[in-house]
Amino acid sequence: MIFFHLDTATARIFAQHKQEELFAGAIFLADSAVKNRDENFPVLGSAYYNSETKRVEQNVIDLELLKKIDQNSGIGGLSLKSVFVEFLGGKKEIVFEKKTGKNCIGIERFVFAKNHFKERKAKIFFVVCHEN
């Protein structure tokens, strides 16, 4: 009886840790995407580069770069299931979507979305899952 109780408590703690790990990873990916720029791995950086000021503009998403996210995007045991942008006024644009994924969490960020010199207020949603 004691072993069963310890086994159940251990499983519950392990599951809680996995969920916290997923939440922290999702926040990391969302933060990184909106604050950094990485043209080779846009899931870790899709912020807009302002060539006039020669700086990356945090919280301003380059939609063209964001659309280059590929099926293998993920990091540290986490995979990206989907990314979509909802513009002020309600229009949604799916940027990336993968059909598979278990044990997922969604994170949203308020951003400005820039596409061909047009900047609009938007929310960006990241759905991140455990790979296994």
C-alpha atoms as a PDB file:
ATOM      1  CA  MET A   1       0.000   0.000   0.000  1.00  0.00           C
ATOM      2  CA  ILE A   2       2.800   2.433   0.870  1.00  0.00           C
ATOM      3  CA  PHE A   3       4.631   1.638  -2.388  1.00  0.00           C
ATOM      4  CA  PHE A   4       1.469   2.289  -4.410  1.00  0.00           C
ATOM      5  CA  HIS A   5       1.025   5.676  -2.733  1.00  0.00           C
ATOM      6  CA  LEU A   6       4.669   6.649  -3.356  1.00  0.00           C
ATOM      7  CA  ASP A   7       4.410   5.489  -6.966  1.00  0.00           C
ATOM      8  CA  THR A   8       1.268   7.595  -7.514  1.00  0.00           C
ATOM      9  CA  ALA A   9       2.834  10.665  -5.867  1.00  0.00           C
ATOM     10  CA  THR A  10       5.980  10.298  -7.978  1.00  0.00           C
ATOM     11  CA  ALA A  11       3.944  10.021 -11.177  1.00  0.00           C
ATOM     12  CA  ARG A  12       1.942  13.114 -10.251  1.00  0.00           C
ATOM     13  CA  ILE A  13       5.105  15.126  -9.508  1.00  0.00           C
ATOM     14  CA  PHE A  14       6.693  13.957 -12.769  1.00  0.00           C
ATOM     15  CA  ALA A  15       3.599  14.966 -14.778  1.00  0.00           C
ATOM     16  CA  GLN A  16       3.510  18.377 -13.092  1.00  0.00           C
ATOM     17  CA  HIS A  17       7.207  18.898 -13.859  1.00  0.00           C
ATOM     18  CA  LYS A  18       6.659  17.990 -17.532  1.00  0.00           C
ATOM     19  CA  GLN A  19       3.783  20.502 -17.736  1.00  0.00           C
ATOM     20  CA  GLU A  20       5.903  23.250 -16.145  1.00  0.00           C
ATOM     21  CA  GLU A  21       8.736  22.411 -18.537  1.00  0.00           C
ATOM     22  CA  LEU A  22       6.331  22.706 -21.479  1.00  0.00           C
ATOM     23  CA  PHE A  23       5.010  26.070 -20.239  1.00  0.00           C
ATOM     24  CA  ALA A  24       8.527  27.476 -19.732  1.00  0.00           C
ATOM     25  CA  GLY A  25       9.641  26.243 -23.167  1.00  0.00           C
ATOM     26  CA  ALA A  26       6.596  27.758 -24.867  1.00  0.00           C
ATOM     27  CA  ILE A  27       7.239  31.121 -23.217  1.00  0.00           C
ATOM     28  CA  PHE A  28      10.898  30.928 -24.261  1.00  0.00           C
ATOM     29  CA  LEU A  29      10.002  30.225 -27.905  1.00  0.00           C
ATOM     30  CA  ALA A  30       7.360  32.977 -28.038  1.00  0.00           C
ATOM     31  CA  ASP A  31       9.678  35.528 -26.398  1.00  0.00           C
ATOM     32  CA  SER A  32      12.574  34.620 -28.623  1.00  0.00           C
ATOM     33  CA  ALA A  33      10.500  34.826 -31.798  1.00  0.00           C
ATOM     34  CA  VAL A  34       9.252  38.356 -31.083  1.00  0.00           C
ATOM     35  CA  LYS A  35      12.471  39.807 -29.659  1.00  0.00           C
ATOM     36  CA  ASN A  36      15.221  38.328 -31.861  1.00  0.00           C
ATOM     37  CA  ARG A  37      15.956  37.797 -35.530  1.00  0.00           C
ATOM     38  CA  ASP A  38      17.425  34.597 -36.967  1.00  0.00           C
ATOM     39  CA  GLU A  39      16.967  34.199 -40.706  1.00  0.00           C
ATOM     40  CA  ASN A  40      18.250  30.607 -40.608  1.00  0.00           C
ATOM     41  CA  PHE A  41      15.968  29.476 -37.772  1.00  0.00           C
ATOM     42  CA  PRO A  42      13.017  31.902 -37.679  1.00  0.00           C
ATOM     43  CA  VAL A  43      11.237  30.101 -34.843  1.00  0.00           C
ATOM     44  CA  LEU A  44      13.917  31.582 -32.566  1.00  0.00           C
ATOM     45  CA  GLY A  45      13.784  35.027 -34.135  1.00  0.00           C
ATOM     46  CA  SER A  46      11.268  36.630 -36.480  1.00  0.00           C
ATOM     47  CA  ALA A  47      11.484  40.225 -35.323  1.00  0.00           C
ATOM     48  CA  TYR A  48      11.556  42.933 -37.991  1.00  0.00           C
ATOM     49  CA  TYR A  49      14.937  44.367 -38.971  1.00  0.00           C
ATOM     50  CA  ASN A  50      14.821  48.129 -39.556  1.00  0.00           C
ATOM     51  CA  SER A  51      17.524  48.862 -42.121  1.00  0.00           C
ATOM     52  CA  GLU A  52      17.359  52.623 -41.484  1.00  0.00           C
ATOM     53  CA  THR A  53      18.229  52.342 -37.796  1.00  0.00           C
ATOM     54  CA  LYS A  54      20.183  49.077 -38.320  1.00  0.00           C
ATOM     55  CA  ARG A  55      18.356  47.478 -35.420  1.00  0.00           C
ATOM     56  CA  VAL A  56      15.933  44.686 -34.736  1.00  0.00           C
ATOM     57  CA  GLU A  57      12.576  46.051 -33.611  1.00  0.00           C
ATOM     58  CA  GLN A  58      11.320  44.010 -30.668  1.00  0.00           C
ATOM     59  CA  ASN A  59       7.636  43.075 -30.690  1.00  0.00           C
ATOM     60  CA  VAL A  60       7.406  43.905 -34.398  1.00  0.00           C
ATOM     61  CA  ILE A  61       7.089  40.642 -36.333  1.00  0.00           C
ATOM     62  CA  ASP A  62       8.383  40.236 -39.889  1.00  0.00           C
ATOM     63  CA  LEU A  63       5.566  38.135 -41.364  1.00  0.00           C
ATOM     64  CA  GLU A  64       7.620  37.107 -44.396  1.00  0.00           C
ATOM     65  CA  LEU A  65      10.360  35.681 -42.167  1.00  0.00           C
ATOM     66  CA  LEU A  66       7.832  34.059 -39.842  1.00  0.00           C
ATOM     67  CA  LYS A  67       6.354  32.189 -42.815  1.00  0.00           C
ATOM     68  CA  LYS A  68       9.716  30.447 -43.323  1.00  0.00           C
ATOM     69  CA  ILE A  69       9.259  28.314 -40.198  1.00  0.00           C
ATOM     70  CA  ASP A  70       9.601  24.683 -41.266  1.00  0.00           C
ATOM     71  CA  GLN A  71       8.163  21.356 -40.099  1.00  0.00           C
ATOM     72  CA  ASN A  72      11.203  20.565 -37.938  1.00  0.00           C
ATOM     73  CA  SER A  73      10.964  23.689 -35.797  1.00  0.00           C
ATOM     74  CA  GLY A  74      11.468  23.042 -32.150  1.00  0.00           C
ATOM     75  CA  ILE A  75      14.083  22.998 -29.451  1.00  0.00           C
ATOM     76  CA  GLY A  76      14.969  21.002 -26.352  1.00  0.00           C
ATOM     77  CA  GLY A  77      12.376  18.229 -26.664  1.00  0.00           C
ATOM     78  CA  LEU A  78       9.621  20.649 -27.697  1.00  0.00           C
ATOM     79  CA  SER A  79       8.112  21.041 -31.137  1.00  0.00           C
ATOM     80  CA  LEU A  80       6.114  23.829 -32.666  1.00  0.00           C
ATOM     81  CA  LYS A  81       2.636  22.702 -33.711  1.00  0.00           C
ATOM     82  CA  SER A  82       1.233  25.944 -35.058  1.00  0.00           C
ATOM     83  CA  VAL A  83       1.668  29.678 -35.307  1.00  0.00           C
ATOM     84  CA  PHE A  84      -1.086  32.040 -36.298  1.00  0.00           C
ATOM     85  CA  VAL A  85      -1.634  35.773 -36.248  1.00  0.00           C
ATOM     86  CA  GLU A  86      -4.907  37.490 -35.415  1.00  0.00           C
ATOM     87  CA  PHE A  87      -5.016  41.079 -36.640  1.00  0.00           C
ATOM     88  CA  LEU A  88      -6.942  43.904 -35.041  1.00  0.00           C
ATOM     89  CA  GLY A  89     -10.408  43.540 -36.533  1.00  0.00           C
ATOM     90  CA  GLY A  90     -10.521  39.754 -36.274  1.00  0.00           C
ATOM     91  CA  LYS A  91      -8.798  38.488 -39.444  1.00  0.00           C
ATOM     92  CA  LYS A  92      -6.690  35.381 -38.717  1.00  0.00           C
ATOM     93  CA  GLU A  93      -3.748  34.177 -40.741  1.00  0.00           C
ATOM     94  CA  ILE A  94      -2.285  30.717 -40.213  1.00  0.00           C
ATOM     95  CA  VAL A  95       1.464  31.032 -40.599  1.00  0.00           C
ATOM     96  CA  PHE A  96       2.482  27.471 -39.768  1.00  0.00           C
ATOM     97  CA  GLU A  97       0.549  24.351 -38.876  1.00  0.00           C
ATOM     98  CA  LYS A  98       1.535  20.755 -38.211  1.00  0.00           C
ATOM     99  CA  LYS A  99      -1.188  18.147 -37.710  1.00  0.00           C
ATOM    100  CA  THR A 100       0.606  16.077 -35.070  1.00  0.00           C
ATOM    101  CA  GLY A 101       1.242  16.915 -31.450  1.00  0.00           C
ATOM    102  CA  LYS A 102       0.314  15.723 -27.978  1.00  0.00           C
ATOM    103  CA  ASN A 103       0.365  17.512 -24.642  1.00  0.00           C
ATOM    104  CA  CYS A 104       0.353  21.023 -26.117  1.00  0.00           C
ATOM    105  CA  ILE A 105       0.073  24.527 -24.716  1.00  0.00           C
ATOM    106  CA  GLY A 106      -0.732  27.827 -26.394  1.00  0.00           C
ATOM    107  CA  ILE A 107       0.959  31.154 -25.726  1.00  0.00           C
ATOM    108  CA  GLU A 108      -0.141  34.499 -27.126  1.00  0.00           C
ATOM    109  CA  ARG A 109       1.744  37.771 -27.459  1.00  0.00           C
ATOM    110  CA  PHE A 110       0.649  41.226 -28.523  1.00  0.00           C
ATOM    111  CA  VAL A 111       2.795  42.472 -31.400  1.00  0.00           C
ATOM    112  CA  PHE A 112       2.892  44.677 -34.443  1.00  0.00           C
ATOM    113  CA  ALA A 113       2.935  42.619 -37.628  1.00  0.00           C
ATOM    114  CA  LYS A 114       4.849  44.080 -40.552  1.00  0.00           C
ATOM    115  CA  ASN A 115       4.397  42.919 -44.121  1.00  0.00           C
ATOM    116  CA  HIS A 116       5.533  44.890 -47.179  1.00  0.00           C
ATOM    117  CA  PHE A 117       5.830  48.220 -45.345  1.00  0.00           C
ATOM    118  CA  LYS A 118       2.401  47.847 -43.732  1.00  0.00           C
ATOM    119  CA  GLU A 119       2.330  47.589 -39.946  1.00  0.00           C
ATOM    120  CA  ARG A 120      -0.759  46.375 -38.069  1.00  0.00           C
ATOM    121  CA  LYS A 121      -1.590  45.602 -34.442  1.00  0.00           C
ATOM    122  CA  ALA A 122      -1.994  41.882 -33.884  1.00  0.00           C
ATOM    123  CA  LYS A 123      -1.809  38.935 -31.496  1.00  0.00           C
ATOM    124  CA  ILE A 124       0.496  36.080 -32.349  1.00  0.00           C
ATOM    125  CA  PHE A 125      -0.270  32.582 -31.048  1.00  0.00           C
ATOM    126  CA  PHE A 126       2.278  29.803 -30.615  1.00  0.00           C
ATOM    127  CA  VAL A 127       1.152  26.228 -29.919  1.00  0.00           C
ATOM    128  CA  VAL A 128       4.050  24.176 -28.527  1.00  0.00           C
ATOM    129  CA  CYS A 129       4.016  20.426 -27.760  1.00  0.00           C
ATOM    130  CA  HIS A 130       6.254  17.803 -26.207  1.00  0.00           C
ATOM    131  CA  GLU A 131       7.927  15.801 -28.966  1.00  0.00           C
ATOM    132  CA  ASN A 132       7.204  12.454 -27.317  1.00  0.00           C
END
